[in-house]
PDB file of all heavy atoms in Angstrom:
ATOM      1  N   GLN A   1      86.908 118.923-258.421  1.00  0.00           N
ATOM      2  CA  GLN A   1      86.986 120.382-258.511  1.00  0.00           C
ATOM      3  C   GLN A   1      87.372 120.983-257.161  1.00  0.00           C
ATOM      4  O   GLN A   1      88.167 121.929-257.089  1.00  0.00           O
ATOM      5  CB  GLN A   1      85.641 120.954-258.984  1.00  0.00           C
ATOM      6  CG  GLN A   1      85.309 120.678-260.438  1.00  0.00           C
ATOM      7  CD  GLN A   1      86.093 121.540-261.402  1.00  0.00           C
ATOM      8  OE1 GLN A   1      86.974 122.291-260.991  1.00  0.00           O
ATOM      9  NE2 GLN A   1      85.783 121.444-262.685  1.00  0.00           N
ATOM     10  N   ARG A   2      86.805 120.433-256.093  1.00  0.00           N
ATOM     11  CA  ARG A   2      87.177 120.918-254.755  1.00  0.00           C
ATOM     12  C   ARG A   2      88.649 120.625-254.467  1.00  0.00           C
ATOM     13  O   ARG A   2      89.355 121.456-253.866  1.00  0.00           O
ATOM     14  CB  ARG A   2      86.282 120.262-253.696  1.00  0.00           C
ATOM     15  CG  ARG A   2      84.839 120.746-253.711  1.00  0.00           C
ATOM     16  CD  ARG A   2      84.096 120.286-252.471  1.00  0.00           C
ATOM     17  NE  ARG A   2      83.995 118.839-252.394  1.00  0.00           N
ATOM     18  CZ  ARG A   2      82.999 118.135-252.909  1.00  0.00           C
ATOM     19  NH1 ARG A   2      82.006 118.758-253.557  1.00  0.00           N
ATOM     20  NH2 ARG A   2      82.955 116.825-252.797  1.00  0.00           N
ATOM     21  N   LEU A   3      89.109 119.441-254.878  1.00  0.00           N
ATOM     22  CA  LEU A   3      90.516 119.099-254.665  1.00  0.00           C
ATOM     23  C   LEU A   3      91.426 120.043-255.444  1.00  0.00           C
ATOM     24  O   LEU A   3      92.467 120.485-254.932  1.00  0.00           O
ATOM     25  CB  LEU A   3      90.766 117.648-255.098  1.00  0.00           C
ATOM     26  CG  LEU A   3      92.204 117.130-254.938  1.00  0.00           C
ATOM     27  CD1 LEU A   3      92.665 117.233-253.500  1.00  0.00           C
ATOM     28  CD2 LEU A   3      92.307 115.695-255.445  1.00  0.00           C
ATOM     29  N   LEU A   4      91.040 120.401-256.672  1.00  0.00           N
ATOM     30  CA  LEU A   4      91.837 121.327-257.465  1.00  0.00           C
ATOM     31  C   LEU A   4      91.871 122.699-256.796  1.00  0.00           C
ATOM     32  O   LEU A   4      92.926 123.339-256.724  1.00  0.00           O
ATOM     33  CB  LEU A   4      91.275 121.435-258.876  1.00  0.00           C
ATOM     34  CG  LEU A   4      91.979 122.429-259.798  1.00  0.00           C
ATOM     35  CD1 LEU A   4      93.444 122.048-259.973  1.00  0.00           C
ATOM     36  CD2 LEU A   4      91.273 122.507-261.146  1.00  0.00           C
ATOM     37  N   ALA A   5      90.715 123.169-256.309  1.00  0.00           N
ATOM     38  CA  ALA A   5      90.673 124.475-255.645  1.00  0.00           C
ATOM     39  C   ALA A   5      91.567 124.471-254.402  1.00  0.00           C
ATOM     40  O   ALA A   5      92.287 125.444-254.128  1.00  0.00           O
ATOM     41  CB  ALA A   5      89.238 124.825-255.276  1.00  0.00           C
ATOM     42  N   GLN A   6      91.535 123.380-253.631  1.00  0.00           N
ATOM     43  CA  GLN A   6      92.377 123.280-252.442  1.00  0.00           C
ATOM     44  C   GLN A   6      93.857 123.301-252.827  1.00  0.00           C
ATOM     45  O   GLN A   6      94.678 123.989-252.194  1.00  0.00           O
ATOM     46  CB  GLN A   6      92.052 121.996-251.696  1.00  0.00           C
ATOM     47  CG  GLN A   6      92.943 121.746-250.470  1.00  0.00           C
ATOM     48  CD  GLN A   6      92.665 120.395-249.827  1.00  0.00           C
ATOM     49  OE1 GLN A   6      91.659 119.765-250.097  1.00  0.00           O
ATOM     50  NE2 GLN A   6      93.575 119.957-248.982  1.00  0.00           N
ATOM     51  N   THR A   7      94.204 122.560-253.882  1.00  0.00           N
ATOM     52  CA  THR A   7      95.599 122.510-254.307  1.00  0.00           C
ATOM     53  C   THR A   7      96.080 123.873-254.793  1.00  0.00           C
ATOM     54  O   THR A   7      97.198 124.296-254.497  1.00  0.00           O
ATOM     55  CB  THR A   7      95.763 121.471-255.428  1.00  0.00           C
ATOM     56  OG1 THR A   7      95.303 120.193-254.956  1.00  0.00           O
ATOM     57  CG2 THR A   7      97.209 121.347-255.865  1.00  0.00           C
ATOM     58  N   LYS A   8      95.218 124.581-255.530  1.00  0.00           N
ATOM     59  CA  LYS A   8      95.596 125.916-255.983  1.00  0.00           C
ATOM     60  C   LYS A   8      95.782 126.863-254.802  1.00  0.00           C
ATOM     61  O   LYS A   8      96.679 127.722-254.812  1.00  0.00           O
ATOM     62  CB  LYS A   8      94.534 126.463-256.931  1.00  0.00           C
ATOM     63  CG  LYS A   8      94.537 125.805-258.300  1.00  0.00           C
ATOM     64  CD  LYS A   8      93.490 126.425-259.205  1.00  0.00           C
ATOM     65  CE  LYS A   8      93.562 125.836-260.616  1.00  0.00           C
ATOM     66  NZ  LYS A   8      92.537 126.414-261.506  1.00  0.00           N
ATOM     67  N   GLY A   9      94.926 126.713-253.778  1.00  0.00           N
ATOM     68  CA  GLY A   9      95.091 127.540-252.582  1.00  0.00           C
ATOM     69  C   GLY A   9      96.408 127.269-251.883  1.00  0.00           C
ATOM     70  O   GLY A   9      97.123 128.202-251.462  1.00  0.00           O
ATOM     71  N   GLU A  10      96.751 125.995-251.730  1.00  0.00           N
ATOM     72  CA  GLU A  10      98.029 125.641-251.110  1.00  0.00           C
ATOM     73  C   GLU A  10      99.203 126.137-251.947  1.00  0.00           C
ATOM     74  O   GLU A  10     100.218 126.590-251.406  1.00  0.00           O
ATOM     75  CB  GLU A  10      98.101 124.119-250.939  1.00  0.00           C
ATOM     76  CG  GLU A  10      97.067 123.579-249.952  1.00  0.00           C
ATOM     77  CD  GLU A  10      97.015 122.064-249.976  1.00  0.00           C
ATOM     78  OE1 GLU A  10      97.669 121.462-250.854  1.00  0.00           O
ATOM     79  OE2 GLU A  10      96.314 121.485-249.112  1.00  0.00           O
ATOM     80  N   LEU A  11      99.064 126.070-253.277  1.00  0.00           N
ATOM     81  CA  LEU A  11     100.116 126.576-254.149  1.00  0.00           C
ATOM     82  C   LEU A  11     100.290 128.080-253.965  1.00  0.00           C
ATOM     83  O   LEU A  11     101.419 128.593-253.921  1.00  0.00           O
ATOM     84  CB  LEU A  11      99.779 126.256-255.608  1.00  0.00           C
ATOM     85  CG  LEU A  11     100.745 126.791-256.669  1.00  0.00           C
ATOM     86  CD1 LEU A  11     102.139 126.219-256.467  1.00  0.00           C
ATOM     87  CD2 LEU A  11     100.233 126.463-258.077  1.00  0.00           C
ATOM     88  N   GLY A  12      99.174 128.799-253.829  1.00  0.00           N
ATOM     89  CA  GLY A  12      99.255 130.242-253.606  1.00  0.00           C
ATOM     90  C   GLY A  12      99.985 130.587-252.317  1.00  0.00           C
ATOM     91  O   GLY A  12     100.774 131.546-252.278  1.00  0.00           O
ATOM     92  N   VAL A  13      99.725 129.821-251.265  1.00  0.00           N
ATOM     93  CA  VAL A  13     100.410 130.065-249.988  1.00  0.00           C
ATOM     94  C   VAL A  13     101.914 129.838-250.146  1.00  0.00           C
ATOM     95  O   VAL A  13     102.741 130.638-249.667  1.00  0.00           O
ATOM     96  CB  VAL A  13      99.828 129.162-248.886  1.00  0.00           C
ATOM     97  CG1 VAL A  13     100.671 129.249-247.615  1.00  0.00           C
ATOM     98  CG2 VAL A  13      98.382 129.563-248.583  1.00  0.00           C
ATOM     99  N   LEU A  14     102.290 128.748-250.811  1.00  0.00           N
ATOM    100  CA  LEU A  14     103.715 128.463-251.008  1.00  0.00           C
ATOM    101  C   LEU A  14     104.384 129.556-251.844  1.00  0.00           C
ATOM    102  O   LEU A  14     105.516 129.973-251.546  1.00  0.00           O
ATOM    103  CB  LEU A  14     103.879 127.107-251.695  1.00  0.00           C
ATOM    104  CG  LEU A  14     103.528 125.867-250.858  1.00  0.00           C
ATOM    105  CD1 LEU A  14     103.600 124.619-251.721  1.00  0.00           C
ATOM    106  CD2 LEU A  14     104.456 125.746-249.652  1.00  0.00           C
ATOM    107  N   ILE A  15     103.699 130.000-252.880  1.00  0.00           N
ATOM    108  CA  ILE A  15     104.278 131.056-253.717  1.00  0.00           C
ATOM    109  C   ILE A  15     104.443 132.349-252.920  1.00  0.00           C
ATOM    110  O   ILE A  15     105.451 133.060-253.044  1.00  0.00           O
ATOM    111  CB  ILE A  15     103.400 131.278-254.964  1.00  0.00           C
ATOM    112  CG1 ILE A  15     103.487 130.058-255.890  1.00  0.00           C
ATOM    113  CG2 ILE A  15     103.822 132.534-255.701  1.00  0.00           C
ATOM    114  CD1 ILE A  15     102.576 130.120-257.095  1.00  0.00           C
ATOM    115  N   GLN A  16     103.447 132.664-252.078  1.00  0.00           N
ATOM    116  CA  GLN A  16     103.543 133.878-251.262  1.00  0.00           C
ATOM    117  C   GLN A  16     104.738 133.804-250.306  1.00  0.00           C
ATOM    118  O   GLN A  16     105.499 134.784-250.159  1.00  0.00           O
ATOM    119  CB  GLN A  16     102.247 134.084-250.478  1.00  0.00           C
ATOM    120  CG  GLN A  16     102.219 135.364-249.659  1.00  0.00           C
ATOM    121  CD  GLN A  16     100.917 135.519-248.909  1.00  0.00           C
ATOM    122  OE1 GLN A  16     100.123 134.593-248.817  1.00  0.00           O
ATOM    123  NE2 GLN A  16     100.693 136.704-248.356  1.00  0.00           N
ATOM    124  N   LYS A  17     104.906 132.659-249.671  1.00  0.00           N
ATOM    125  CA  LYS A  17     106.049 132.503-248.762  1.00  0.00           C
ATOM    126  C   LYS A  17     107.366 132.604-249.520  1.00  0.00           C
ATOM    127  O   LYS A  17     108.337 133.210-249.048  1.00  0.00           O
ATOM    128  CB  LYS A  17     105.958 131.170-248.035  1.00  0.00           C
ATOM    129  CG  LYS A  17     104.809 131.100-247.029  1.00  0.00           C
ATOM    130  CD  LYS A  17     104.795 129.747-246.335  1.00  0.00           C
ATOM    131  CE  LYS A  17     103.685 129.698-245.285  1.00  0.00           C
ATOM    132  NZ  LYS A  17     103.632 128.384-244.601  1.00  0.00           N
ATOM    133  N   GLU A  18     107.424 132.002-250.689  1.00  0.00           N
ATOM    134  CA  GLU A  18     108.645 132.078-251.485  1.00  0.00           C
ATOM    135  C   GLU A  18     108.916 133.507-251.916  1.00  0.00           C
ATOM    136  O   GLU A  18     110.084 133.949-251.942  1.00  0.00           O
ATOM    137  CB  GLU A  18     108.521 131.160-252.709  1.00  0.00           C
ATOM    138  CG  GLU A  18     109.714 131.195-253.645  1.00  0.00           C
ATOM    139  CD  GLU A  18     110.995 130.711-252.996  1.00  0.00           C
ATOM    140  OE1 GLU A  18     110.936 130.032-251.955  1.00  0.00           O
ATOM    141  OE2 GLU A  18     112.087 130.993-253.557  1.00  0.00           O
ATOM    142  N   GLN A  19     107.856 134.240-252.244  1.00  0.00           N
ATOM    143  CA  GLN A  19     108.040 135.627-252.636  1.00  0.00           C
ATOM    144  C   GLN A  19     108.596 136.455-251.479  1.00  0.00           C
ATOM    145  O   GLN A  19     109.466 137.317-251.668  1.00  0.00           O
ATOM    146  CB  GLN A  19     106.712 136.216-253.113  1.00  0.00           C
ATOM    147  CG  GLN A  19     106.815 137.630-253.675  1.00  0.00           C
ATOM    148  CD  GLN A  19     107.725 137.700-254.886  1.00  0.00           C
ATOM    149  OE1 GLN A  19     107.558 136.939-255.831  1.00  0.00           O
ATOM    150  NE2 GLN A  19     108.705 138.610-254.847  1.00  0.00           N
ATOM    151  N   GLN A  20     108.077 136.186-250.273  1.00  0.00           N
ATOM    152  CA  GLN A  20     108.592 136.892-249.094  1.00  0.00           C
ATOM    153  C   GLN A  20     110.074 136.582-248.876  1.00  0.00           C
ATOM    154  O   GLN A  20     110.869 137.472-248.521  1.00  0.00           O
ATOM    155  CB  GLN A  20     107.772 136.504-247.866  1.00  0.00           C
ATOM    156  CG  GLN A  20     106.341 137.016-247.893  1.00  0.00           C
ATOM    157  CD  GLN A  20     105.497 136.454-246.779  1.00  0.00           C
ATOM    158  OE1 GLN A  20     105.924 135.540-246.072  1.00  0.00           O
ATOM    159  NE2 GLN A  20     104.295 136.991-246.598  1.00  0.00           N
ATOM    160  N   ARG A  21     110.470 135.342-249.066  1.00  0.00           N
ATOM    161  CA  ARG A  21     111.870 134.969-248.904  1.00  0.00           C
ATOM    162  C   ARG A  21     112.746 135.667-249.944  1.00  0.00           C
ATOM    163  O   ARG A  21     113.834 136.183-249.644  1.00  0.00           O
ATOM    164  CB  ARG A  21     112.016 133.449-249.023  1.00  0.00           C
ATOM    165  CG  ARG A  21     113.417 132.938-248.666  1.00  0.00           C
ATOM    166  CD  ARG A  21     113.482 131.430-248.836  1.00  0.00           C
ATOM    167  NE  ARG A  21     113.461 131.051-250.231  1.00  0.00           N
ATOM    168  CZ  ARG A  21     114.567 130.993-250.996  1.00  0.00           C
ATOM    169  NH1 ARG A  21     115.741 131.313-250.483  1.00  0.00           N
ATOM    170  NH2 ARG A  21     114.471 130.627-252.244  1.00  0.00           N
ATOM    171  N   GLN A  22     112.239 135.690-251.182  1.00  0.00           N
ATOM    172  CA  GLN A  22     112.987 136.357-252.240  1.00  0.00           C
ATOM    173  C   GLN A  22     113.109 137.862-251.979  1.00  0.00           C
ATOM    174  O   GLN A  22     114.149 138.474-252.252  1.00  0.00           O
ATOM    175  CB  GLN A  22     112.304 136.116-253.597  1.00  0.00           C
ATOM    176  CG  GLN A  22     112.340 134.678-254.083  1.00  0.00           C
ATOM    177  CD  GLN A  22     113.746 134.210-254.416  1.00  0.00           C
ATOM    178  OE1 GLN A  22     114.649 135.020-254.671  1.00  0.00           O
ATOM    179  NE2 GLN A  22     113.944 132.896-254.406  1.00  0.00           N
ATOM    180  N   ASP A  23     112.030 138.456-251.433  1.00  0.00           N
ATOM    181  CA  ASP A  23     112.075 139.889-251.108  1.00  0.00           C
ATOM    182  C   ASP A  23     113.133 140.167-250.039  1.00  0.00           C
ATOM    183  O   ASP A  23     113.867 141.176-250.108  1.00  0.00           O
ATOM    184  CB  ASP A  23     110.700 140.373-250.636  1.00  0.00           C
ATOM    185  CG  ASP A  23     109.674 140.386-251.758  1.00  0.00           C
ATOM    186  OD1 ASP A  23     110.079 140.324-252.941  1.00  0.00           O
ATOM    187  OD2 ASP A  23     108.456 140.451-251.455  1.00  0.00           O
ATOM    188  N   ALA A  24     113.216 139.296-249.036  1.00  0.00           N
ATOM    189  CA  ALA A  24     114.213 139.483-247.982  1.00  0.00           C
ATOM    190  C   ALA A  24     115.628 139.372-248.535  1.00  0.00           C
ATOM    191  O   ALA A  24     116.531 140.156-248.185  1.00  0.00           O
ATOM    192  CB  ALA A  24     113.994 138.454-246.873  1.00  0.00           C
ATOM    193  N   LEU A  25     115.861 138.403-249.423  1.00  0.00           N
ATOM    194  CA  LEU A  25     117.165 138.273-250.043  1.00  0.00           C
ATOM    195  C   LEU A  25     117.502 139.485-250.893  1.00  0.00           C
ATOM    196  O   LEU A  25     118.650 139.972-250.916  1.00  0.00           O
ATOM    197  CB  LEU A  25     117.204 137.007-250.909  1.00  0.00           C
ATOM    198  CG  LEU A  25     117.203 135.668-250.160  1.00  0.00           C
ATOM    199  CD1 LEU A  25     117.114 134.513-251.159  1.00  0.00           C
ATOM    200  CD2 LEU A  25     118.447 135.535-249.287  1.00  0.00           C
ATOM    201  N   ALA A  26     116.480 139.984-251.603  1.00  0.00           N
ATOM    202  CA  ALA A  26     116.714 141.159-252.440  1.00  0.00           C
ATOM    203  C   ALA A  26     117.075 142.368-251.593  1.00  0.00           C
ATOM    204  O   ALA A  26     117.956 143.177-251.961  1.00  0.00           O
ATOM    205  CB  ALA A  26     115.471 141.443-253.283  1.00  0.00           C
ATOM    206  N   ALA A  27     116.412 142.522-250.430  1.00  0.00           N
ATOM    207  CA  ALA A  27     116.747 143.655-249.547  1.00  0.00           C
ATOM    208  C   ALA A  27     118.172 143.550-249.030  1.00  0.00           C
ATOM    209  O   ALA A  27     118.904 144.559-248.948  1.00  0.00           O
ATOM    210  CB  ALA A  27     115.754 143.693-248.388  1.00  0.00           C
ATOM    211  N   ALA A  28     118.615 142.348-248.699  1.00  0.00           N
ATOM    212  CA  ALA A  28     119.984 142.156-248.220  1.00  0.00           C
ATOM    213  C   ALA A  28     120.993 142.475-249.312  1.00  0.00           C
ATOM    214  O   ALA A  28     122.033 143.121-249.065  1.00  0.00           O
ATOM    215  CB  ALA A  28     120.167 140.724-247.734  1.00  0.00           C
ATOM    216  N   ARG A  29     120.710 142.023-250.518  1.00  0.00           N
ATOM    217  CA  ARG A  29     121.608 142.344-251.622  1.00  0.00           C
ATOM    218  C   ARG A  29     121.643 143.841-251.885  1.00  0.00           C
ATOM    219  O   ARG A  29     122.698 144.408-252.223  1.00  0.00           O
ATOM    220  CB  ARG A  29     121.173 141.585-252.883  1.00  0.00           C
ATOM    221  CG  ARG A  29     121.508 140.101-252.862  1.00  0.00           C
ATOM    222  CD  ARG A  29     121.352 139.489-254.228  1.00  0.00           C
ATOM    223  NE  ARG A  29     119.975 139.563-254.697  1.00  0.00           N
ATOM    224  CZ  ARG A  29     119.074 138.607-254.520  1.00  0.00           C
ATOM    225  NH1 ARG A  29     119.428 137.503-253.860  1.00  0.00           N
ATOM    226  NH2 ARG A  29     117.852 138.745-254.973  1.00  0.00           N
ATOM    227  N   ALA A  30     120.472 144.484-251.733  1.00  0.00           N
ATOM    228  CA  ALA A  30     120.424 145.935-251.960  1.00  0.00           C
ATOM    229  C   ALA A  30     121.293 146.675-250.961  1.00  0.00           C
ATOM    230  O   ALA A  30     122.007 147.640-251.314  1.00  0.00           O
ATOM    231  CB  ALA A  30     118.979 146.423-251.888  1.00  0.00           C
ATOM    232  N   ARG A  31     121.255 146.255-249.700  1.00  0.00           N
ATOM    233  CA  ARG A  31     122.110 146.913-248.691  1.00  0.00           C
ATOM    234  C   ARG A  31     123.581 146.670-248.969  1.00  0.00           C
ATOM    235  O   ARG A  31     124.424 147.575-248.792  1.00  0.00           O
ATOM    236  CB  ARG A  31     121.730 146.407-247.304  1.00  0.00           C
ATOM    237  CG  ARG A  31     120.373 146.893-246.827  1.00  0.00           C
ATOM    238  CD  ARG A  31     120.165 146.557-245.360  1.00  0.00           C
ATOM    239  NE  ARG A  31     120.171 145.110-245.127  1.00  0.00           N
ATOM    240  CZ  ARG A  31     119.069 144.365-245.143  1.00  0.00           C
ATOM    241  NH1 ARG A  31     117.897 144.924-245.411  1.00  0.00           N
ATOM    242  NH2 ARG A  31     119.139 143.077-244.916  1.00  0.00           N
ATOM    243  N   ALA A  32     123.921 145.480-249.407  1.00  0.00           N
ATOM    244  CA  ALA A  32     125.328 145.177-249.698  1.00  0.00           C
ATOM    245  C   ALA A  32     125.828 145.969-250.892  1.00  0.00           C
ATOM    246  O   ALA A  32     127.026 146.296-250.993  1.00  0.00           O
ATOM    247  CB  ALA A  32     125.487 143.681-249.949  1.00  0.00           C
TER     248      ALA A  32
END
């Protein structure tokens, strides 16, 4: 259970970083 909680936490961090990257790309497309 602890391993699952740790993995979900790491997954959340990766998703957050990916979301930030997608937001930056979306802003660039919006300016273009």
